[in-house]
Amino acid sequence: METLSLLLLTMLLMVRNCADGTYRGALAEQVGEVVGQVVEQHLSECHLVLVDTTTQSPVFSTMIRQLMRSGLGVTVLEAWWVFFQSQPARDLLLERLWGDATLTCCALLIHLDNKIITNILTFKFLEWCELWRHPQTVVVAVGGTAGMEAVLLDHNLRNTVYALYLTLQNLTLHSLDSRQGPLHNTRLGRGGTTKEGEGAHVRVYGRCLYCNKGEAQVQLLHRGNLTSGLHGVNLFPDQMENFWGHTFRAVTLRYMPFINYEQDGAEPGTPRTPLDSLNIRMLDIIASHFNFTYEIREPWDMNWGTPAGGGNWTGIVGTLQHEQADFSLDLTVTASRSLVVDYSRVYSNDPIVIITLKPAPLPRNLALTRPFEGEVWMSVIVCTLALGIILWLQQKVWSWAASESRVRLIPAFLNSWAMLLMEPVETIPTNTTGQVLVGWWLLSCVIITTAYRSSLIAHLSVQSKYPPINTFQDLLNQDGWSWGSTDLQGTFYLYFNESSDPDLQAILRGIEIYEMDKGLERVMQGGFSFIHTQSYVTPEMARLYTDKFGNTPLYIGIMKYLAFGGNAWGFRKGAPFTRQISMMKERLIEAGLLNLWQDDVLKTYLKHSREERGREDPLLFTGESSGQVVLGLDHLQGAFYLLLLGCCLALLVEIFSYFCYKNQQSNLVANHTQN
């Protein structure tokens, strides 16, 4: 259907030009002269694209000849010819249209004759080449005065910073003969002169994006005789340093401490009153510098932005994608989002963290065993037993060789334990081999007991705690544990749903959904962890569960899971102000103001929260103390438990010995009776 419409349009162009094919050569040469001056003085370093929207016009030929004399490379394109190509051919044309990244700029030179049919073709071409995505592209249109405002104020040029319209007074432009051919590249030499008419005046109009009280306006940049030329005329004044009170549309969601506004229950999409926050402070400084105002609105679906199918997005990303807002104050950078929105410099990395109760202290009744790990205890026991056996065997062999009294096994074991406990030993081997063995064992016992005593003092004075939950793997290893988060939206949703990590998939399957306040309350009950971004959950922790001295029973895991590329401002594609706002934002970042402002915002927010509650926060006991520690029964309960265990063992041994003795006496009586 589109191809048929363009075919009919081209036929109308040819019929119209057959009926009106007269032109004057002098005026056509003058047009080429004006275009050549603009290119030589301002666009000599640009990738040039010469676009013709007419047929059978001599003006287009003169423009080509003038560019030939300038020695510049130019891509020549007939607009109507584009729409009769296949889609792969169009894609190739579009790639060649914008040149390569090595050139400093790109310029479109468009030839018009200001007829309704031609203008339709021109606007269709500008829409096809997606000019709105390239705000820095220079557009130079050549045509009659009558259609000047319609071209410069066209919606396709809404993002174009530099757009000129050249016209000669009382000039009628005619169409170009389609014999010029479709698309070709020309590299041409200098030479020749231009025939100039007498009394011709040139007018140069420009589009100013925000000069009309923040709206677009057409301005007359130059008016003069063609013979005087355009030397010294500023055709491209800097118009991006002052937005003249233009009102920008900002879309965002509340995300303390980055963005805050009044939540008065109004419907999404209505303007919100901004409150003190990090992004509002930055935006106020930037707005004051560039002289613009802004409105803050929420996305209609109250979402950050996830794929919705068909190339569309929801939430803030979708709002920017469809140009229903100019920029967003906070948006996480992802590769998929970058296809539909532009970003400024990242100003913060907001990782995902795990919030739990602070680790509970370990019971003190086992404090005597904590100085050594289980492997060390097992090694000490095995070495002590082995030394007793080796010492007994060595003494037994020596007593057999030297005809001395034999050593029993039990005393050998007891001597090895006595040396470990730093107790004096009454019987020391008389042979050299035994003495060497005992000496090295005593040295080992000194090292072991010294390490144990020093570590025991530390464990008795500072109570040990259960290992904290720092990672998702720690979370999955907990028995009878559950976890949750707020409703998964935006990059939080993408982080878990698009990951192939089995741990993240297991976390996603078991996640429970809570509001922020309810989730933290659930953490306080124990056996539960809350997962969220650090910057968002920290103010709520400070507001609800932190006293004025900074004490809190909650713990943030040391493992920080970075979700994608960090936080930045998002801009709609092709926004002409992206570069200016981003550069001003970079100046604020490099000045070190953001950390200062963020701390101040949090302090102010917490102060107001306490004032609203109208009461002083209770002091929270964290289980931590400093200074001198006096050991009490709680610290040394393990020693008394050990004494009780020893008494029980002694009682059992006594009972066993009693029964053994009774059994022996019974056997003696029985033997005596039989005899």
Foldseek 3Di string as FASTA:
>chain_A
DVLVVLVVLQVVLVVVCVVPVDFDPQLLLLLLLQLLLCCVPPPQQAAAEEEELHAAWCSSVNVVVSVQQVQGKYKYAYLSVLSVDDPVVNVVVLVPQQPDPVTPAYEYEYEDQPDPSSVVSVVVSLVSSQLLLPQAYAYEYEYAPPCVVVVQVPPSNLRHQKYKYKYKPPHGTHGHHPVVDGIDMDRHHHDDDTRHDPPIKMWMKIWQAQPPQQHIDIDTQDIDDSVVHCPPGPRRDDRLQARNAHEFEEEEDDFPQAFDFDPPPDAFPDFTHGDAHLLVVLVVVLCVRHVYHYTYTYFNVNFQWDDDPPLAIGTPLNCLLVPVGFWYSKAFDDPSSVVFWPFFDFQFFWFKWKKFFDFDFDALLCLLVPLDDPVVVVVVVVVLLVQLVVLQVVQQVVCVVVVHDHDDSVLSSVVSVCLLVVHDDPDFDPDPVSNVSSVVSSVVSVVVVVSSVVSSVVCLQDTHGDDDDADLVSQVPDPQAAEAEADQGHLSVVVLPVDPPVSSVVNVVRYDHDDLVVRVVVSVVDRYMYMDTDNRNVLVQCQPAAAPVGDGRMDIHPDTHGRHDHMTMIGGRSNNNSVVSSVSVVVCSVVVVSVVSSVVSSVVVNVVSCVVVVDHDDDDDRPDDDDDDDRDCSSCVNVVVVVVVVVVVVVVVVVVVVVVVVVVVVVVVVVVVVD
